[in-house]
Protein backbone atom coordinates (compact mmCIF):
# COMPACT_ATOMS: atom_id res chain seq x y z
CA UNK A 1 0.00 0.00 0.00
CA UNK A 2 2.78 2.41 0.98
CA UNK A 3 4.64 1.60 -2.25
CA UNK A 4 1.46 2.31 -4.26
CA UNK A 5 0.98 5.68 -2.57
CA UNK A 6 4.63 6.55 -3.12
CA UNK A 7 4.34 5.63 -6.79
CA UNK A 8 1.23 7.80 -7.16
CA UNK A 9 3.04 10.75 -5.56
CA UNK A 10 5.99 10.29 -7.93
CA UNK A 11 3.66 10.14 -10.93
CA UNK A 12 1.82 13.28 -9.82
CA UNK A 13 5.09 15.14 -9.37
CA UNK A 14 6.26 13.96 -12.77
CA UNK A 15 2.99 15.12 -14.37
CA UNK A 16 3.31 18.51 -12.69
CA UNK A 17 6.89 18.86 -13.87
CA UNK A 18 5.88 17.92 -17.41
CA UNK A 19 3.07 20.50 -17.40
CA UNK A 20 5.45 23.12 -16.04
CA UNK A 21 8.02 22.33 -18.74
CA UNK A 22 5.33 22.45 -21.45
CA UNK A 23 4.08 25.86 -20.38
CA UNK A 24 7.60 27.16 -19.88
CA UNK A 25 8.43 26.31 -23.50
CA UNK A 26 5.19 27.61 -25.04
CA UNK A 27 3.18 30.80 -24.84
CA UNK A 28 -0.58 31.05 -25.12
CA UNK A 29 -1.87 34.19 -26.83
CA UNK A 30 -5.41 35.45 -26.29
CA UNK A 31 -7.03 38.00 -28.59
CA UNK A 32 -9.84 40.37 -27.67
CA UNK A 33 -11.58 42.72 -30.07
CA UNK A 34 -13.07 46.10 -29.31
CA UNK A 35 -16.50 44.49 -29.54
CA UNK A 36 -15.54 41.79 -26.99
CA UNK A 37 -14.60 44.43 -24.43
CA UNK A 38 -17.49 46.75 -25.20
CA UNK A 39 -20.04 43.95 -24.84
CA UNK A 40 -18.58 42.83 -21.51
CA UNK A 41 -18.74 46.38 -20.14
CA UNK A 42 -22.23 46.94 -21.51
CA UNK A 43 -23.52 43.99 -19.47
CA UNK A 44 -22.46 45.84 -16.28
CA UNK A 45 -24.10 49.15 -17.11
CA UNK A 46 -25.79 51.49 -16.39
CA UNK A 47 -23.89 52.53 -13.26
CA UNK A 48 -25.28 55.27 -11.02
CA UNK A 49 -23.89 56.74 -7.79
CA UNK A 50 -23.92 59.96 -5.71
CA UNK A 51 -20.76 62.05 -5.33
CA UNK A 52 -19.72 65.23 -3.54
CA UNK A 53 -23.20 65.62 -2.00
CA UNK A 54 -24.72 67.43 -5.00
CA UNK A 55 -24.08 65.14 -7.99
CA UNK A 56 -25.61 61.89 -9.16
CA UNK A 57 -23.48 60.43 -11.93
CA UNK A 58 -24.93 57.84 -14.32
CA UNK A 59 -22.65 56.05 -16.81
CA UNK A 60 -23.89 54.05 -19.80
CA UNK A 61 -23.20 53.06 -23.44
CA UNK A 62 -19.47 52.22 -23.30
CA UNK A 63 -17.11 52.82 -26.21
CA UNK A 64 -13.76 51.06 -26.76
CA UNK A 65 -10.97 52.28 -29.03
CA UNK A 66 -7.81 50.16 -29.21
CA UNK A 67 -5.01 52.33 -30.59
CA UNK A 68 -2.31 50.68 -32.71
CA UNK A 69 0.94 50.20 -30.79
CA UNK A 70 -0.49 51.51 -27.53
CA UNK A 71 -0.27 49.80 -24.17
CA UNK A 72 -3.47 51.49 -22.99
CA UNK A 73 -7.17 50.99 -23.59
CA UNK A 74 -8.98 54.13 -24.68
CA UNK A 75 -12.69 54.70 -24.99
CA UNK A 76 -15.51 56.46 -23.26
CA UNK A 77 -19.04 56.42 -21.95
CA UNK A 78 -22.18 58.48 -22.09
CA UNK A 79 -22.66 60.37 -18.84
CA UNK A 80 -25.62 62.04 -17.15
CA UNK A 81 -24.69 64.43 -14.38
CA UNK A 82 -27.65 65.26 -12.16
CA UNK A 83 -26.77 68.36 -10.11
CA UNK A 84 -28.89 69.26 -7.06
CA UNK A 85 -28.63 73.03 -6.62
CA UNK A 86 -30.85 75.33 -4.57
CA UNK A 87 -33.53 72.74 -4.02
CA UNK A 88 -33.85 71.85 -7.70
CA UNK A 89 -32.21 69.27 -9.93
CA UNK A 90 -30.43 69.91 -13.21
CA UNK A 91 -29.87 66.78 -15.35
CA UNK A 92 -26.94 67.46 -17.68
CA UNK A 93 -26.01 65.01 -20.41
CA UNK A 94 -22.82 64.43 -22.33
CA UNK A 95 -19.89 62.07 -22.65
CA UNK A 96 -16.48 61.21 -21.23
CA UNK A 97 -13.33 60.07 -23.01
CA UNK A 98 -11.03 57.90 -20.88
CA UNK A 99 -7.85 55.85 -21.06
CA UNK A 100 -6.07 53.40 -18.77
CA UNK A 101 -3.66 50.52 -18.52
CA UNK A 102 -4.73 46.97 -17.76
CA UNK A 103 -4.44 44.99 -14.55
CA UNK A 104 -4.73 41.19 -14.47
CA UNK A 105 -6.20 39.34 -11.50
CA UNK A 106 -4.87 35.77 -11.86
CA UNK A 107 -6.98 34.35 -9.03
CA UNK A 108 -10.20 35.18 -10.87
CA UNK A 109 -9.01 35.36 -14.49
CA UNK A 110 -10.26 38.95 -14.80
CA UNK A 111 -8.81 42.01 -16.53
CA UNK A 112 -9.40 45.47 -15.06
CA UNK A 113 -8.78 48.95 -16.41
CA UNK A 114 -6.00 50.30 -14.19
CA UNK A 115 -5.90 53.95 -13.02
CA UNK A 116 -8.43 55.31 -15.55
CA UNK A 117 -7.73 58.88 -16.63
CA UNK A 118 -10.39 61.32 -17.85
CA UNK A 119 -9.08 62.65 -21.17
CA UNK A 120 -12.06 64.83 -22.13
CA UNK A 121 -15.44 65.76 -20.67
CA UNK A 122 -18.36 66.98 -22.74
CA UNK A 123 -21.31 67.92 -20.50
CA UNK A 124 -23.95 70.18 -22.06
CA UNK A 125 -25.05 73.17 -20.00
CA UNK A 126 -22.37 72.77 -17.33
CA UNK A 127 -21.65 76.12 -15.69
CA UNK A 128 -18.10 77.29 -15.17
CA UNK A 129 -18.57 77.39 -11.39
CA UNK A 130 -19.50 73.69 -11.30
CA UNK A 131 -16.96 72.51 -13.85
CA UNK A 132 -14.14 71.50 -11.47
CA UNK A 133 -16.45 69.71 -9.02
CA UNK A 134 -18.28 67.99 -11.87
CA UNK A 135 -15.00 66.71 -13.33
CA UNK A 136 -14.05 65.44 -9.89
CA UNK A 137 -17.37 63.62 -9.52
CA UNK A 138 -16.95 62.01 -12.94
CA UNK A 139 -13.41 60.92 -12.11
CA UNK A 140 -14.61 59.33 -8.86
CA UNK A 141 -17.42 57.53 -10.69
CA UNK A 142 -15.04 56.11 -13.30
CA UNK A 143 -12.51 55.02 -10.68
CA UNK A 144 -15.20 53.25 -8.63
CA UNK A 145 -16.74 51.57 -11.65
CA UNK A 146 -13.48 50.20 -13.05
CA UNK A 147 -12.08 49.25 -9.65
CA UNK A 148 -14.88 46.76 -9.03
CA UNK A 149 -15.92 45.71 -12.54
CA UNK A 150 -13.62 43.86 -14.97
CA UNK A 151 -13.49 44.86 -18.61
CA UNK A 152 -13.18 41.14 -19.46
CA UNK A 153 -13.52 37.84 -17.58
CA UNK A 154 -11.98 34.62 -18.86
CA UNK A 155 -14.25 31.60 -19.11
CA UNK A 156 -13.97 28.81 -16.52
CA UNK A 157 -15.03 26.29 -19.17
CA UNK A 158 -12.29 26.99 -21.68
CA UNK A 159 -9.05 25.15 -20.92
CA UNK A 160 -6.85 27.72 -22.59
CA UNK A 161 -8.68 30.50 -20.80
CA UNK A 162 -8.12 28.61 -17.55
CA UNK A 163 -4.36 28.70 -18.16
CA UNK A 164 -4.68 32.44 -18.51
CA UNK A 165 -5.49 32.58 -14.82
CA UNK A 166 -1.89 31.74 -14.02
CA UNK A 167 0.65 33.68 -16.04
CA UNK A 168 0.82 36.96 -17.94
CA UNK A 169 3.87 37.79 -20.07
CA UNK A 170 3.01 40.57 -22.46
CA UNK A 171 0.26 42.81 -23.84
CA UNK A 172 0.04 44.72 -27.14
CA UNK A 173 -2.51 46.28 -29.50
CA UNK A 174 -2.47 45.42 -33.20
CA UNK A 175 -5.18 45.85 -35.83
CA UNK A 176 -7.70 47.10 -33.26
CA UNK A 177 -7.23 43.88 -31.27
CA UNK A 178 -5.82 43.39 -27.79
CA UNK A 179 -3.27 40.55 -27.54
CA UNK A 180 -2.34 38.95 -24.21
CA UNK A 181 0.56 36.49 -24.05
CA UNK A 182 0.57 34.01 -21.17
CA UNK A 183 3.19 31.54 -19.93
CA UNK A 184 5.92 31.08 -17.29
CA UNK A 185 9.05 33.12 -16.79
CA UNK A 186 12.47 31.50 -16.53
CA UNK A 187 12.31 31.32 -12.74
CA UNK A 188 8.89 29.68 -12.80
CA UNK A 189 7.32 32.62 -10.96
CA UNK A 190 3.95 34.06 -11.84
CA UNK A 191 4.08 37.26 -13.83
CA UNK A 192 1.48 39.90 -13.15
CA UNK A 193 2.31 42.72 -15.53
CA UNK A 194 -0.27 45.27 -16.69
CA UNK A 195 -2.27 43.84 -19.59
CA UNK A 196 -2.66 45.78 -22.81
CA UNK A 197 -4.45 43.00 -24.75
CA UNK A 198 -7.51 40.69 -24.99
CA UNK A 199 -9.52 38.14 -27.30
CA UNK A 200 -12.02 35.32 -27.73
CA UNK A 201 -9.40 33.15 -29.41
CA UNK A 202 -6.52 31.23 -27.86
CA UNK A 203 -3.63 30.03 -29.98
CA UNK A 204 -0.26 28.47 -29.28
């Protein structure tokens, strides 16, 4: 019995070593289109929250723009800024352009927009006196939304997507597609670099 258990342990270790060697010698590349990311975000919207005591910010209708050669995701959302001033409410509509890097959460197989930056705000009817506070409220809303909601989640049912939960080597944007390369580094440690890539396809 003891010899059987010992043999099973040896076989398991050998299988683990073989899998490690296989992954160490090969990379898995995932591709994600603008539509893949937009659809995933759309499923989590609209998002609405109060900020700075006088604003209710509502975000909806995401846009994704993957720029050739960039390591950032750019895009935007429609925004409604409901300002409560002097006992009355002023709903102001417009849009926000944003950009950010990517963060990979290996434990959950999720990609998040990292440190989103507001590039441009277009809110119709926004007074100059409220402009700075409104921009601050919008920045807080974007940060909260992207902190808790991934821009893409890898499938538990796809074997190649499951491997993506472990290792991240590189990210790049080509032909309006986000590419993420996964594997092991030379020391066998997990890499958790910012992601600049995504896709529905997995190739070796």
